[in-house]
């Protein structure tokens, strides 16, 4: 009857996935159906991912969070990666992206699809070299496309494909003398392959064949931004914007085949450029969901880039981004450990929630109002219940127990809330 969520929506059909998303977003199923039909909401749910708990990605919905994981040559333990996956899911991450670049990647990918209820994303170009165990230059366009098909058959919900760079990009990079050139790992591999073989980008040249694969499995394309800025100096330059224009054209072609699309965005970017970039993307890509890494608003905070990205992410999401890729304290330094993953998720959740309040997403502020009531009433149990990170909040208070149980150890009897409660009740206020 229908192949994809977009095709169903355009035929007026409300799927069980649309109903699930509507319930989470306090919207009607008809509203979600209409947004999916327009391409403004993507429900990334491969037909073969049976345990998925569907989520919608769109600027008018709650801001979603993606967590990057995966093994590398230096960190090879799949059990540790699965521990990170479950930590991320339990903390509320809506998507897990497997960026594994070492070993036998397929069993881990299949395990994710079999056990993880979050959306699963991958970058097939990484896996191509690993899958074939051959040097990059020896791979053919068909090899790359076959790996895209393999990931679809494994049940992956969305794939990042760097379709927007072409041989023209090679000349642009050489002429414009970027400080950081291309920092996208997938983008750099495609760029290198084009340079070594003299061929056109296979993900661009055979885009229609890729769309047919995505349509068959209802796998969403996340159009990767190979030319995303890797430092503040490269933000909003010709390479970035020219690629975005091409991504807009590729979005139209995908929608013509009822294939869902997300657009990936910056990257490193000065704070004052973020809002304009979000608006440009919405115009060029006709409201397709925008998926951003950060943006990181300064280049000088290694060890704290979860904070620099949360600052940028809050501004980006409030200005129209739909999906935040988390950044951990280990960004630019190492593969994140379990604690890094937790800190990255917390920072991203704060950014996403702050943006949802600014966008007036239905019921986004309810929990903040509940927290305010609990603080006024010294209801600590409810405060823990409302906290993004209950464990850390309780640990800090338990470590520094106050003399006056109802207050904190900073204020004691000087507590403004205590004084106001007593004053408004006409009670005597003892300070000393």
Protein backbone atom coordinates (compact mmCIF):
# COMPACT_ATOMS: atom_id res chain seq x y z
CA UNK A 1 0.00 0.00 0.00
CA UNK A 2 2.88 2.36 0.75
CA UNK A 3 6.68 2.14 0.93
CA UNK A 4 7.62 5.11 3.11
CA UNK A 5 6.15 7.30 5.82
CA UNK A 6 6.17 10.19 3.33
CA UNK A 7 4.28 8.21 0.70
CA UNK A 8 1.69 7.17 3.27
CA UNK A 9 1.27 10.76 4.44
CA UNK A 10 0.84 12.02 0.89
CA UNK A 11 -1.86 9.40 0.34
CA UNK A 12 -3.67 10.61 3.47
CA UNK A 13 -2.76 7.49 5.46
CA UNK A 14 -1.97 7.80 9.18
CA UNK A 15 0.57 5.13 10.16
CA UNK A 16 1.09 3.68 13.63
CA UNK A 17 4.42 5.57 13.70
CA UNK A 18 2.62 8.87 13.08
CA UNK A 19 0.19 8.07 15.88
CA UNK A 20 3.07 7.33 18.26
CA UNK A 21 4.81 10.59 17.39
CA UNK A 22 1.57 12.57 17.76
CA UNK A 23 1.04 11.21 21.28
CA UNK A 24 4.56 12.22 22.33
CA UNK A 25 4.29 15.70 20.83
CA UNK A 26 0.78 16.64 22.08
CA UNK A 27 -0.38 16.98 18.49
CA UNK A 28 -3.01 15.26 16.40
CA UNK A 29 -2.09 12.40 14.11
CA UNK A 30 -3.44 14.48 11.23
CA UNK A 31 -1.01 17.30 12.03
CA UNK A 32 1.94 14.91 12.06
CA UNK A 33 0.76 13.29 8.81
CA UNK A 34 0.58 16.68 7.08
CA UNK A 35 4.08 17.69 8.29
CA UNK A 36 5.54 14.37 7.10
CA UNK A 37 3.84 14.86 3.72
CA UNK A 38 5.55 18.25 3.38
CA UNK A 39 8.94 16.89 4.43
CA UNK A 40 9.05 19.16 7.47
CA UNK A 41 9.00 16.18 9.85
CA UNK A 42 10.98 12.98 9.34
CA UNK A 43 10.06 9.77 11.14
CA UNK A 44 13.26 7.76 10.77
CA UNK A 45 12.07 4.17 11.06
CA UNK A 46 13.43 1.46 8.77
CA UNK A 47 10.79 -1.22 8.16
CA UNK A 48 13.20 -3.84 9.54
CA UNK A 49 13.88 -2.05 12.86
CA UNK A 50 11.14 -3.86 14.77
CA UNK A 51 11.89 -2.64 18.33
CA UNK A 52 12.04 1.06 17.48
CA UNK A 53 10.02 3.56 19.51
CA UNK A 54 9.25 6.11 16.77
CA UNK A 55 10.17 9.78 17.10
CA UNK A 56 9.56 12.69 14.80
CA UNK A 57 12.33 15.10 13.84
CA UNK A 58 11.18 18.60 12.92
CA UNK A 59 11.65 22.19 14.07
CA UNK A 60 8.08 22.44 15.38
CA UNK A 61 8.51 19.31 17.55
CA UNK A 62 10.63 18.67 20.63
CA UNK A 63 14.32 19.02 19.80
CA UNK A 64 15.86 15.55 19.49
CA UNK A 65 19.36 14.42 20.50
CA UNK A 66 21.74 12.09 18.67
CA UNK A 67 24.62 10.27 20.38
CA UNK A 68 27.67 9.23 18.34
CA UNK A 69 29.30 5.94 19.35
CA UNK A 70 31.35 3.14 17.80
CA UNK A 71 34.67 1.36 17.95
CA UNK A 72 37.96 2.51 16.46
CA UNK A 73 41.41 1.00 16.07
CA UNK A 74 42.40 2.42 19.48
CA UNK A 75 39.15 1.53 21.30
CA UNK A 76 37.88 -1.87 20.18
CA UNK A 77 35.57 -3.10 22.95
CA UNK A 78 32.02 -3.60 21.63
CA UNK A 79 30.72 -4.38 25.14
CA UNK A 80 31.80 -0.93 26.33
CA UNK A 81 30.07 0.62 23.32
CA UNK A 82 26.86 -1.23 24.15
CA UNK A 83 27.13 0.06 27.72
CA UNK A 84 27.32 3.58 26.29
CA UNK A 85 24.33 2.84 24.08
CA UNK A 86 22.17 1.78 27.00
CA UNK A 87 23.36 4.72 29.09
CA UNK A 88 22.36 7.06 26.27
CA UNK A 89 18.96 5.44 25.76
CA UNK A 90 18.20 5.45 29.49
CA UNK A 91 19.07 9.14 29.62
CA UNK A 92 16.61 9.93 26.86
CA UNK A 93 18.69 10.13 23.67
CA UNK A 94 16.41 9.63 20.67
CA UNK A 95 19.11 8.45 18.25
CA UNK A 96 22.32 6.43 18.28
CA UNK A 97 24.78 6.85 15.45
CA UNK A 98 27.23 4.00 14.94
CA UNK A 99 30.46 5.51 13.63
CA UNK A 100 32.53 2.32 13.98
CA UNK A 101 35.69 2.36 11.89
CA UNK A 102 37.39 -0.88 12.88
CA UNK A 103 36.79 -4.62 12.98
CA UNK A 104 33.71 -6.60 12.00
CA UNK A 105 31.13 -3.84 12.16
CA UNK A 106 28.04 -5.68 10.92
CA UNK A 107 27.29 -7.80 14.03
CA UNK A 108 27.42 -4.69 16.24
CA UNK A 109 25.17 -2.79 13.82
CA UNK A 110 22.72 -5.69 13.73
CA UNK A 111 22.76 -5.93 17.54
CA UNK A 112 21.88 -2.23 17.76
CA UNK A 113 18.93 -2.69 15.43
CA UNK A 114 17.77 -5.81 17.29
CA UNK A 115 17.98 -4.33 20.80
CA UNK A 116 17.97 -0.54 20.69
CA UNK A 117 14.63 1.33 20.64
CA UNK A 118 16.27 4.59 19.52
CA UNK A 119 16.75 5.59 15.88
CA UNK A 120 19.94 4.05 14.48
CA UNK A 121 22.13 6.02 12.09
CA UNK A 122 25.34 5.15 10.25
CA UNK A 123 27.84 6.61 7.76
CA UNK A 124 28.26 3.95 5.04
CA UNK A 125 31.40 5.51 3.55
CA UNK A 126 33.27 4.73 6.81
CA UNK A 127 32.17 1.14 6.62
CA UNK A 128 33.11 0.69 2.98
CA UNK A 129 36.84 0.46 3.60
CA UNK A 130 36.27 -1.79 6.65
CA UNK A 131 33.72 -4.02 4.91
CA UNK A 132 35.89 -4.71 1.87
CA UNK A 133 39.23 -4.54 3.73
CA UNK A 134 40.71 -2.63 0.79
CA UNK A 135 42.39 0.74 0.43
CA UNK A 136 40.09 3.63 -0.40
CA UNK A 137 41.41 4.19 -3.93
CA UNK A 138 40.64 0.60 -4.94
CA UNK A 139 36.94 0.88 -4.15
CA UNK A 140 34.44 1.45 -6.95
CA UNK A 141 31.25 3.47 -7.02
CA UNK A 142 29.34 0.18 -6.96
CA UNK A 143 31.18 -0.86 -3.79
CA UNK A 144 29.98 2.28 -1.99
CA UNK A 145 26.38 1.86 -3.16
CA UNK A 146 26.36 -1.80 -2.16
CA UNK A 147 27.33 -0.84 1.40
CA UNK A 148 24.43 1.64 1.51
CA UNK A 149 22.18 -1.26 0.53
CA UNK A 150 23.77 -3.49 3.19
CA UNK A 151 23.02 -0.93 5.91
CA UNK A 152 19.43 -0.64 4.70
CA UNK A 153 19.07 -4.44 4.81
CA UNK A 154 20.49 -4.43 8.36
CA UNK A 155 17.65 -2.13 9.46
CA UNK A 156 19.46 1.20 9.81
CA UNK A 157 16.97 4.08 10.15
CA UNK A 158 19.03 6.89 8.66
CA UNK A 159 22.32 7.15 6.79
CA UNK A 160 24.60 10.15 6.49
CA UNK A 161 25.65 10.44 2.86
CA UNK A 162 27.96 13.18 1.64
CA UNK A 163 26.17 13.70 -1.66
CA UNK A 164 26.68 17.46 -1.87
CA UNK A 165 30.38 17.69 -2.70
CA UNK A 166 31.38 17.28 -6.33
CA UNK A 167 34.52 17.67 -8.39
CA UNK A 168 33.77 21.39 -8.37
CA UNK A 169 34.35 21.32 -4.60
CA UNK A 170 37.94 20.19 -5.14
CA UNK A 171 38.71 23.44 -6.95
CA UNK A 172 36.84 25.50 -4.37
CA UNK A 173 38.82 24.02 -1.49
CA UNK A 174 42.08 24.69 -3.34
CA UNK A 175 41.12 28.27 -4.26
CA UNK A 176 39.55 29.50 -1.03
CA UNK A 177 42.35 28.35 1.30
CA UNK A 178 40.28 27.33 4.30
CA UNK A 179 42.06 27.19 7.64
CA UNK A 180 40.75 23.71 8.42
CA UNK A 181 39.91 22.44 4.92
CA UNK A 182 37.36 19.58 5.32
CA UNK A 183 36.90 18.27 8.87
CA UNK A 184 34.03 15.92 8.10
CA UNK A 185 35.51 12.43 8.29
CA UNK A 186 33.11 11.08 5.67
CA UNK A 187 33.48 14.18 3.54
CA UNK A 188 37.26 13.90 3.59
CA UNK A 189 37.07 10.26 2.47
CA UNK A 190 34.82 11.14 -0.47
CA UNK A 191 37.07 14.10 -1.35
CA UNK A 192 40.18 11.89 -1.18
CA UNK A 193 38.54 9.19 -3.32
CA UNK A 194 37.65 11.76 -6.00
CA UNK A 195 41.18 13.15 -5.96
CA UNK A 196 42.79 9.71 -6.27
CA UNK A 197 40.45 8.24 -8.89
CA UNK A 198 39.52 11.32 -10.92
CA UNK A 199 35.87 10.24 -10.71
CA UNK A 200 32.77 12.12 -9.62
CA UNK A 201 31.38 11.66 -6.10
CA UNK A 202 29.56 8.28 -6.32
CA UNK A 203 26.91 9.39 -3.81
CA UNK A 204 26.08 12.31 -6.10
CA UNK A 205 26.47 10.50 -9.44
CA UNK A 206 24.33 7.52 -8.39
CA UNK A 207 21.93 9.44 -6.16
CA UNK A 208 18.83 8.06 -7.90
CA UNK A 209 19.94 4.49 -7.25
CA UNK A 210 20.49 5.37 -3.58
CA UNK A 211 17.00 6.88 -3.41
CA UNK A 212 15.55 3.61 -4.71
CA UNK A 213 17.31 1.71 -1.91
CA UNK A 214 16.07 4.18 0.72
CA UNK A 215 12.54 4.00 -0.63
CA UNK A 216 12.54 0.19 -0.50
CA UNK A 217 13.37 0.11 3.23
CA UNK A 218 12.04 3.55 4.28
CA UNK A 219 15.55 4.57 5.29
CA UNK A 220 15.94 8.32 5.74
CA UNK A 221 18.80 10.17 4.04
CA UNK A 222 20.70 12.56 6.24
CA UNK A 223 22.45 14.77 3.69
CA UNK A 224 25.90 15.23 5.19
CA UNK A 225 27.65 18.58 5.15
CA UNK A 226 31.14 17.65 4.02
CA UNK A 227 32.10 21.33 3.99
CA UNK A 228 30.84 22.17 7.46
CA UNK A 229 33.18 24.68 9.12
CA UNK A 230 35.78 23.10 11.38
CA UNK A 231 36.80 26.40 12.93
CA UNK A 232 35.25 29.84 13.36
CA UNK A 233 37.29 31.29 10.49
CA UNK A 234 35.63 28.94 7.95
CA UNK A 235 32.03 29.57 9.04
CA UNK A 236 29.52 30.67 6.39
CA UNK A 237 32.11 30.59 3.61
CA UNK A 238 31.57 29.86 -0.08
CA UNK A 239 32.24 26.12 0.26
CA UNK A 240 29.69 25.68 3.04
CA UNK A 241 26.93 27.72 1.39
CA UNK A 242 27.47 26.31 -2.10
CA UNK A 243 27.16 22.78 -0.74
CA UNK A 244 23.97 23.76 1.11
CA UNK A 245 22.45 24.98 -2.17
CA UNK A 246 23.18 21.58 -3.71
CA UNK A 247 21.65 19.83 -0.70
CA UNK A 248 18.48 21.80 -1.34
CA UNK A 249 18.38 20.44 -4.89
CA UNK A 250 19.00 16.89 -3.63
CA UNK A 251 16.19 17.30 -1.09
CA UNK A 252 13.72 17.99 -3.91
CA UNK A 253 14.88 14.91 -5.78
CA UNK A 254 14.45 12.72 -2.70
CA UNK A 255 10.96 14.04 -2.00
CA UNK A 256 9.96 13.28 -5.59
CA UNK A 257 10.51 9.60 -4.69
CA UNK A 258 8.84 9.94 -1.25
CA UNK A 259 12.17 9.50 0.53
CA UNK A 260 12.51 11.33 3.85
CA UNK A 261 15.40 13.75 4.26
CA UNK A 262 17.32 15.52 7.01
CA UNK A 263 19.99 18.15 6.34
CA UNK A 264 23.20 18.27 8.35
CA UNK A 265 24.73 21.58 9.39
CA UNK A 266 27.63 23.26 11.17
CA UNK A 267 30.02 22.74 12.85
CA UNK A 268 32.08 25.56 14.36
CA UNK A 269 30.37 28.94 14.08
CA UNK A 270 30.43 32.34 15.84
CA UNK A 271 27.36 32.86 17.99
CA UNK A 272 26.10 35.80 15.92
CA UNK A 273 25.99 33.72 12.69
CA UNK A 274 23.95 30.78 13.97
CA UNK A 275 20.42 32.17 13.63
CA UNK A 276 21.05 33.41 10.07
CA UNK A 277 22.43 30.00 9.07
CA UNK A 278 19.34 28.25 10.42
CA UNK A 279 17.05 30.57 8.44
CA UNK A 280 19.08 30.15 5.24
CA UNK A 281 18.85 26.37 5.57
CA UNK A 282 15.10 26.50 6.12
CA UNK A 283 14.69 28.56 2.95
CA UNK A 284 17.05 26.62 0.67
CA UNK A 285 15.95 23.19 1.91
CA UNK A 286 12.25 24.07 2.17
CA UNK A 287 11.86 23.33 5.85
CA UNK A 288 13.49 19.90 5.86
CA UNK A 289 14.66 19.01 9.40
CA UNK A 290 18.08 20.48 10.21
CA UNK A 291 20.55 18.27 12.11
CA UNK A 292 23.49 20.19 13.62
CA UNK A 293 26.76 19.22 15.28
CA UNK A 294 26.97 21.82 18.02
CA UNK A 295 27.44 24.43 16.67
CA UNK A 296 30.62 25.05 18.69
CA UNK A 297 30.90 28.77 19.39
CA UNK A 298 34.61 28.92 20.19
CA UNK A 299 37.67 26.88 19.21
CA UNK A 300 39.65 27.12 22.47
CA UNK A 301 37.80 24.82 24.89
CA UNK A 302 39.15 21.27 24.50
CA UNK A 303 37.85 19.27 27.45
CA UNK A 304 34.79 21.54 27.66
CA UNK A 305 33.39 21.34 24.14
CA UNK A 306 30.17 19.85 25.50
CA UNK A 307 29.60 23.34 26.94
CA UNK A 308 30.60 25.29 23.83
CA UNK A 309 28.29 23.08 21.75
CA UNK A 310 25.40 23.40 24.21
CA UNK A 311 25.59 27.18 23.93
CA UNK A 312 25.47 26.99 20.14
CA UNK A 313 22.95 24.17 20.15
CA UNK A 314 20.46 26.14 22.24
CA UNK A 315 20.64 29.09 19.83
CA UNK A 316 20.45 26.80 16.78
CA UNK A 317 17.44 24.86 18.02
CA UNK A 318 15.62 28.01 19.14
CA UNK A 319 16.21 29.34 15.61
CA UNK A 320 14.90 26.27 13.80
CA UNK A 321 17.30 23.32 14.12
CA UNK A 322 15.42 20.09 14.87
CA UNK A 323 18.14 17.63 15.87
CA UNK A 324 21.29 18.17 17.97
CA UNK A 325 24.25 15.84 17.66
CA UNK A 326 25.76 15.73 21.12
CA UNK A 327 29.35 16.73 21.76
CA UNK A 328 31.31 15.33 24.70
CA UNK A 329 34.24 16.69 26.75
CA UNK A 330 36.43 14.34 24.69
CA UNK A 331 35.63 16.07 21.38
CA UNK A 332 38.86 16.79 19.43
CA UNK A 333 40.78 14.71 22.01
CA UNK A 334 39.72 11.05 22.25
CA UNK A 335 36.93 8.51 21.93
CA UNK A 336 34.47 9.32 24.74
CA UNK A 337 34.17 7.02 27.74
CA UNK A 338 30.91 6.32 29.58
CA UNK A 339 31.21 9.42 31.77
CA UNK A 340 31.99 11.61 28.73
CA UNK A 341 28.85 10.24 27.05
CA UNK A 342 26.77 11.14 30.10
CA UNK A 343 28.15 14.69 30.27
CA UNK A 344 27.61 15.17 26.54
CA UNK A 345 24.01 14.00 26.75
CA UNK A 346 23.23 16.20 29.76
CA UNK A 347 24.67 19.28 28.04
CA UNK A 348 22.68 18.55 24.87
CA UNK A 349 19.47 17.90 26.81
CA UNK A 350 19.82 21.26 28.56
CA UNK A 351 20.32 22.99 25.21
CA UNK A 352 17.39 21.17 23.61
CA UNK A 353 15.05 21.85 26.52
CA UNK A 354 16.00 25.53 26.68
CA UNK A 355 15.30 25.84 22.96
CA UNK A 356 11.95 24.04 23.26
CA UNK A 357 10.86 26.53 25.91
CA UNK A 358 11.92 29.42 23.68
CA UNK A 359 9.99 27.91 20.74
CA UNK A 360 6.94 27.38 22.98
CA UNK A 361 6.74 23.68 22.20
CA UNK A 362 3.52 22.38 23.81
CA UNK A 363 4.06 21.51 27.50
CA UNK A 364 7.84 22.02 27.29
CA UNK A 365 7.84 24.33 30.32
CA UNK A 366 5.54 22.22 32.48
CA UNK A 367 8.39 20.51 34.30
CA UNK A 368 10.12 23.84 34.98
CA UNK A 369 6.95 25.16 36.60
CA UNK A 370 6.72 21.96 38.65
CA UNK A 371 10.31 22.47 39.78
CA UNK A 372 9.55 26.07 40.82
CA UNK A 373 6.63 24.89 42.96
CA UNK A 374 8.80 22.18 44.54
CA UNK A 375 11.54 24.68 45.39
CA UNK A 376 9.07 27.08 46.95
CA UNK A 377 7.68 24.27 49.09
CA UNK A 378 11.08 22.71 49.92
CA UNK A 379 9.83 19.49 48.32
CA UNK A 380 13.16 17.82 47.67
CA UNK A 381 11.73 14.54 46.36
CA UNK A 382 9.85 16.38 43.62
CA UNK A 383 12.96 18.43 42.85
CA UNK A 384 14.88 15.20 42.24
CA UNK A 385 12.03 13.96 40.08
CA UNK A 386 12.20 17.11 37.93
CA UNK A 387 15.99 17.14 37.61
CA UNK A 388 17.66 16.30 34.30
CA UNK A 389 20.37 14.50 36.32
CA UNK A 390 18.84 13.36 39.60
CA UNK A 391 21.89 11.35 40.65
CA UNK A 392 24.29 14.29 40.48
CA UNK A 393 21.87 16.73 42.13
CA UNK A 394 21.27 14.39 45.08
CA UNK A 395 24.97 13.60 45.44
CA UNK A 396 25.89 17.28 45.73
CA UNK A 397 23.27 17.94 48.40
CA UNK A 398 24.12 14.78 50.35
CA UNK A 399 27.80 15.68 50.31
CA UNK A 400 27.12 19.12 51.86
CA UNK A 401 24.17 18.65 54.16
CA UNK A 402 22.83 21.95 55.54
CA UNK A 403 22.14 22.68 59.19
CA UNK A 404 18.61 23.77 58.26
CA UNK A 405 17.13 20.77 56.43
CA UNK A 406 14.67 22.78 54.39
CA UNK A 407 17.33 25.07 52.88
CA UNK A 408 20.72 24.58 51.24
CA UNK A 409 24.12 24.94 52.89
CA UNK A 410 24.81 28.22 51.08
CA UNK A 411 21.92 30.19 52.58
CA UNK A 412 20.85 28.41 55.76
CA UNK A 413 18.43 30.65 57.65
CA UNK A 414 19.23 33.46 55.20
CA UNK A 415 17.28 31.49 52.55
CA UNK A 416 15.09 33.91 50.59
CA UNK A 417 12.43 31.29 49.96
CA UNK A 418 12.20 30.45 53.69
CA UNK A 419 12.03 34.14 54.65
CA UNK A 420 9.33 34.91 52.07
CA UNK A 421 7.23 31.88 53.00
CA UNK A 422 7.29 32.90 56.66
CA UNK A 423 6.70 36.60 55.93
CA UNK A 424 3.68 35.91 53.74
CA UNK A 425 2.26 33.63 56.44
CA UNK A 426 2.79 36.32 59.07
CA UNK A 427 5.34 34.21 60.96
CA UNK A 428 8.37 35.40 62.93
CA UNK A 429 11.56 35.12 60.84
CA UNK A 430 14.53 33.97 62.94
CA UNK A 431 17.88 34.49 61.27
CA UNK A 432 20.49 34.03 64.01
